[in-house]
Amino acid sequence: MSHVAQPAVIDIHQLSIQHGARTVLAPFDWTVQAGERWAILGANGTGKTSVLHALLGIDVKAASHVSLMGHSLSSLSPREQALLRVWVPQRYDEPFTLTVVQALTSVAQEADDACIDRVLARYGLHHLAQHWVHTLSGGERQRLTWAMSAARTTTLTQLWLLDEPLAAQDLAWQSVLLKQLRHAPCAVVAAVHDLNQVSQFATHVLLIQKNATGVAEVIAAGLSAEVMQAELLSAAYGVDLHLESDLAWWQVR
């Protein structure tokens, strides 16, 4: 029996990132397959978040090609894109005043009380259900973005896109959320800063470095074990990095 090959979750050809007339990230090709969990690494200003925005169809240049599950992003309606991928920004900035439960209900695929209660409990927000979103701490608001994304995830979802998803979390919640990334029901692409979180969830790494002219370039893309090398990381971050073997921990010398 013949098998029909599944299309790549993400297929990028000659994607470049520009801010006005300035090139921020040089053109690159990239493919993400089902089941892969990618960390995007690089110093500040290298375009990590801009890559995520391109995968949302924001600021994609005409010469670039970005496809999601074999379909050009430009051919998919916003609703079709939302069914296939879920976006987790650094935090939720509500356009008007909402309570936590109202924010969650507004995006949930299943808005019944039992489903909402499960999601609230999963992200430690149940006791905050009736609180106004703008009164939450940074960590609580970031967990609300996770909760809203979980409520949007369905069996059709093929991709989670996350921007610094653990930046505002304490150690306990970092551990919980990293476990959720490891067991994600779909492909994952996350921009992260902490090198020591990569081994805890990522199967693959996209590494970006600024060149001498100030333009960022993808210098490596592949399995985490192959990209997470001292020479590559030191070049990308401009500091002398080494793996502390006793701790399996990346440190600046």
Protein backbone atom coordinates (compact mmCIF):
# COMPACT_ATOMS: atom_id res chain seq x y z
CA MET A 1 0.00 0.00 0.00
CA SER A 2 1.39 3.39 -0.97
CA HIS A 3 1.49 6.19 1.56
CA VAL A 4 0.89 9.83 0.73
CA ALA A 5 3.70 11.91 2.18
CA GLN A 6 2.59 14.51 4.68
CA PRO A 7 3.51 18.07 3.71
CA ALA A 8 5.96 19.93 5.90
CA VAL A 9 4.32 21.88 8.69
CA ILE A 10 6.43 24.90 7.68
CA ASP A 11 8.30 25.32 4.41
CA ILE A 12 10.22 28.56 3.87
CA HIS A 13 12.15 29.63 0.78
CA GLN A 14 14.29 32.77 0.68
CA LEU A 15 12.59 34.46 3.60
CA SER A 16 14.21 37.76 4.52
CA ILE A 17 13.24 40.18 7.26
CA GLN A 18 13.32 43.90 6.56
CA HIS A 19 12.42 46.92 8.67
CA GLY A 20 11.78 49.64 6.14
CA ALA A 21 14.73 49.69 3.76
CA ARG A 22 17.02 47.98 6.27
CA THR A 23 17.62 44.23 5.99
CA VAL A 24 17.48 42.70 9.47
CA LEU A 25 17.79 39.02 8.53
CA ALA A 26 19.35 37.74 5.30
CA PRO A 27 17.34 35.33 3.11
CA PHE A 28 17.22 31.73 4.31
CA ASP A 29 15.41 28.44 3.67
CA TRP A 30 13.88 26.36 6.46
CA THR A 31 11.61 23.36 6.88
CA VAL A 32 9.78 22.17 9.99
CA GLN A 33 8.31 18.67 9.97
CA ALA A 34 5.53 17.20 12.10
CA GLY A 35 6.65 16.29 15.61
CA GLU A 36 9.69 18.58 15.59
CA ARG A 37 10.19 21.13 18.35
CA TRP A 38 12.39 24.05 17.31
CA ALA A 39 14.10 26.68 19.45
CA ILE A 40 15.09 29.90 17.69
CA LEU A 41 18.27 31.26 19.28
CA GLY A 42 20.26 34.45 18.78
CA ALA A 43 21.28 37.68 20.46
CA ASN A 44 18.89 40.61 20.80
CA GLY A 45 18.05 42.26 17.50
CA THR A 46 18.74 39.25 15.29
CA GLY A 47 15.11 38.86 14.21
CA LYS A 48 13.86 35.94 16.31
CA THR A 49 10.44 37.48 16.90
CA SER A 50 10.34 38.71 13.30
CA VAL A 51 10.70 35.11 12.10
CA LEU A 52 7.68 34.18 14.21
CA HIS A 53 5.77 37.13 12.77
CA ALA A 54 6.61 35.93 9.26
CA LEU A 55 5.08 32.56 10.16
CA LEU A 56 1.96 34.51 11.11
CA GLY A 57 1.97 36.13 7.67
CA ILE A 58 3.12 39.51 8.99
CA ASP A 59 5.58 41.51 6.87
CA VAL A 60 6.35 38.67 4.44
CA LYS A 61 8.11 40.11 1.38
CA ALA A 62 6.92 39.30 -2.13
CA ALA A 63 10.13 37.44 -2.95
CA SER A 64 9.67 35.15 0.05
CA HIS A 65 7.63 31.96 0.14
CA VAL A 66 6.12 30.72 3.40
CA SER A 67 3.79 27.72 3.44
CA LEU A 68 1.85 26.04 6.22
CA MET A 69 0.88 22.39 5.71
CA GLY A 70 1.56 22.69 2.00
CA HIS A 71 -0.51 25.85 1.53
CA SER A 72 0.96 29.28 0.88
CA LEU A 73 0.14 31.55 3.81
CA SER A 74 -1.19 34.13 1.38
CA SER A 75 -3.77 31.60 0.12
CA LEU A 76 -5.12 30.83 3.59
CA SER A 77 -7.74 33.00 5.24
CA PRO A 78 -7.09 34.23 8.79
CA ARG A 79 -9.61 31.67 10.05
CA GLU A 80 -7.89 28.82 8.17
CA GLN A 81 -4.51 29.89 9.53
CA ALA A 82 -5.92 30.06 13.06
CA LEU A 83 -7.22 26.50 12.76
CA LEU A 84 -3.78 25.21 11.75
CA ARG A 85 -1.53 27.17 14.10
CA VAL A 86 -1.70 28.72 17.55
CA TRP A 87 0.22 31.85 18.55
CA VAL A 88 1.55 32.39 22.09
CA PRO A 89 2.88 35.97 22.41
CA GLN A 90 5.01 37.03 25.35
CA ARG A 91 1.94 38.30 27.13
CA TYR A 92 -1.72 39.07 26.55
CA ASP A 93 -2.52 42.76 26.13
CA GLU A 94 -6.30 43.02 26.12
CA PRO A 95 -7.71 45.80 23.92
CA PHE A 96 -10.39 46.53 26.52
CA THR A 97 -11.18 45.48 30.05
CA LEU A 98 -11.90 41.78 30.46
CA THR A 99 -11.82 39.32 33.30
CA VAL A 100 -9.61 36.26 33.01
CA VAL A 101 -12.55 33.95 32.35
CA GLN A 102 -14.00 36.35 29.76
CA ALA A 103 -10.68 36.49 27.92
CA LEU A 104 -10.48 32.71 27.90
CA THR A 105 -14.09 32.17 26.85
CA SER A 106 -13.71 34.65 23.99
CA VAL A 107 -11.22 32.39 22.18
CA ALA A 108 -12.10 28.87 23.38
CA GLN A 109 -13.08 26.28 20.80
CA GLU A 110 -15.18 24.61 23.51
CA ALA A 111 -16.67 27.28 25.76
CA ASP A 112 -18.51 25.00 28.19
CA ASP A 113 -17.83 25.59 31.87
CA ALA A 114 -16.08 22.26 32.43
CA CYS A 115 -13.57 22.90 29.63
CA ILE A 116 -12.86 26.44 30.83
CA ASP A 117 -12.40 25.21 34.41
CA ARG A 118 -9.89 22.58 33.27
CA VAL A 119 -7.82 25.13 31.38
CA LEU A 120 -7.90 27.61 34.27
CA ALA A 121 -6.72 24.92 36.68
CA ARG A 122 -4.02 23.69 34.31
CA TYR A 123 -2.38 27.12 34.24
CA GLY A 124 -2.90 28.08 37.88
CA LEU A 125 -5.52 30.71 37.09
CA HIS A 126 -8.68 29.27 38.64
CA HIS A 127 -8.52 31.55 41.69
CA LEU A 128 -8.07 34.52 39.35
CA ALA A 129 -11.00 33.73 37.06
CA GLN A 130 -12.99 36.85 37.96
CA HIS A 131 -9.98 39.19 38.20
CA TRP A 132 -9.45 41.89 35.58
CA VAL A 133 -6.66 40.96 33.20
CA HIS A 134 -4.89 44.28 33.69
CA THR A 135 -4.50 43.53 37.43
CA LEU A 136 -2.52 40.31 36.85
CA SER A 137 1.21 40.03 37.45
CA GLY A 138 3.51 39.57 34.48
CA GLY A 139 3.79 35.83 35.10
CA GLU A 140 0.04 35.39 35.51
CA ARG A 141 -0.66 37.34 32.34
CA GLN A 142 1.85 35.21 30.44
CA ARG A 143 0.17 32.04 31.72
CA LEU A 144 -3.12 33.48 30.48
CA THR A 145 -1.63 33.57 26.96
CA TRP A 146 -0.77 29.89 27.38
CA ALA A 147 -4.30 29.15 28.63
CA MET A 148 -5.89 31.00 25.73
CA SER A 149 -3.68 29.11 23.28
CA ALA A 150 -4.55 25.78 24.91
CA ALA A 151 -8.23 26.65 24.62
CA ARG A 152 -7.75 27.34 20.89
CA THR A 153 -5.85 24.09 20.23
CA THR A 154 -7.87 21.39 18.46
CA THR A 155 -7.15 18.15 16.60
CA LEU A 156 -6.61 20.33 13.50
CA THR A 157 -3.81 22.34 15.12
CA GLN A 158 -0.45 21.57 13.48
CA LEU A 159 1.82 24.21 15.01
CA TRP A 160 2.45 26.17 18.18
CA LEU A 161 4.38 29.44 17.75
CA LEU A 162 5.75 30.91 20.99
CA ASP A 163 7.68 34.10 21.72
CA GLU A 164 9.77 33.92 24.91
CA PRO A 165 7.11 31.69 26.48
CA LEU A 166 8.88 31.30 29.85
CA ALA A 167 10.37 34.77 30.28
CA ALA A 168 8.08 35.82 33.14
CA GLN A 169 7.81 32.47 34.93
CA ASP A 170 9.32 31.33 38.22
CA LEU A 171 11.22 28.04 38.42
CA ALA A 172 8.17 25.96 39.31
CA TRP A 173 6.11 27.19 36.38
CA GLN A 174 9.07 26.99 34.01
CA SER A 175 9.27 23.28 34.81
CA VAL A 176 5.54 22.78 34.24
CA LEU A 177 5.48 24.66 30.94
CA LEU A 178 8.66 23.05 29.61
CA LYS A 179 7.02 19.67 30.18
CA GLN A 180 4.02 20.85 28.18
CA LEU A 181 6.32 21.87 25.33
CA ARG A 182 8.00 18.45 25.39
CA HIS A 183 4.61 16.77 25.10
CA ALA A 184 3.03 19.22 22.68
CA PRO A 185 0.41 17.63 20.40
CA CYS A 186 1.92 19.29 17.33
CA ALA A 187 5.10 20.88 15.98
CA VAL A 188 6.60 23.69 18.07
CA VAL A 189 8.63 26.78 17.14
CA ALA A 190 9.71 28.94 20.09
CA ALA A 191 12.01 31.96 20.32
CA VAL A 192 13.98 31.63 23.56
CA HIS A 193 16.85 33.35 25.36
CA ASP A 194 17.85 30.76 27.95
CA LEU A 195 20.22 28.23 26.37
CA ASN A 196 19.70 25.88 29.30
CA GLN A 197 16.02 25.47 28.48
CA VAL A 198 16.72 24.23 24.97
CA SER A 199 17.73 20.70 25.95
CA GLN A 200 14.58 20.41 28.04
CA PHE A 201 12.17 20.67 25.11
CA ALA A 202 13.78 21.26 21.69
CA THR A 203 14.60 18.57 19.16
CA HIS A 204 16.01 21.17 16.73
CA VAL A 205 17.60 24.63 16.81
CA LEU A 206 17.66 27.56 14.38
CA LEU A 207 20.68 29.71 15.29
CA ILE A 208 21.00 33.34 14.13
CA GLN A 209 24.11 35.56 14.23
CA LYS A 210 24.73 39.18 13.23
CA ASN A 211 27.51 39.56 10.68
CA ALA A 212 30.07 42.37 10.49
CA THR A 213 27.65 44.60 8.57
CA GLY A 214 24.95 44.27 11.23
CA VAL A 215 22.74 41.98 9.16
CA ALA A 216 21.64 38.79 10.89
CA GLU A 217 22.14 35.42 9.20
CA VAL A 218 21.01 31.88 9.98
CA ILE A 219 24.33 30.14 10.69
CA ALA A 220 22.97 26.72 11.66
CA ALA A 221 19.68 24.82 11.57
CA GLY A 222 19.34 21.21 12.59
CA LEU A 223 19.27 18.74 15.44
CA SER A 224 19.85 20.33 18.84
CA ALA A 225 22.88 18.16 19.57
CA GLU A 226 24.53 19.31 16.34
CA VAL A 227 23.80 23.03 16.71
CA MET A 228 24.36 23.40 20.47
CA GLN A 229 28.12 23.48 20.11
CA ALA A 230 30.38 25.93 21.97
CA GLU A 231 31.96 27.32 18.80
CA LEU A 232 28.64 28.07 17.10
CA LEU A 233 26.98 29.49 20.21
CA SER A 234 29.97 31.65 21.10
CA ALA A 235 29.98 33.11 17.60
CA ALA A 236 26.24 33.80 17.69
CA TYR A 237 26.27 35.52 21.08
CA GLY A 238 29.69 37.18 20.92
CA VAL A 239 30.85 35.69 24.22
CA ASP A 240 32.99 32.70 25.14
CA LEU A 241 30.52 29.96 26.05
CA HIS A 242 31.26 26.49 27.34
CA LEU A 243 29.22 23.60 28.64
CA GLU A 244 29.75 23.05 32.36
CA SER A 245 30.02 19.27 32.09
CA ASP A 246 29.29 18.50 35.73
CA LEU A 247 26.02 20.42 35.52
CA ALA A 248 25.25 20.11 31.77
CA TRP A 249 24.79 23.88 31.96
CA TRP A 250 25.84 26.59 29.50
CA GLN A 251 27.88 29.39 31.11
CA VAL A 252 29.87 32.43 29.99
CA ARG A 253 33.56 32.01 30.80
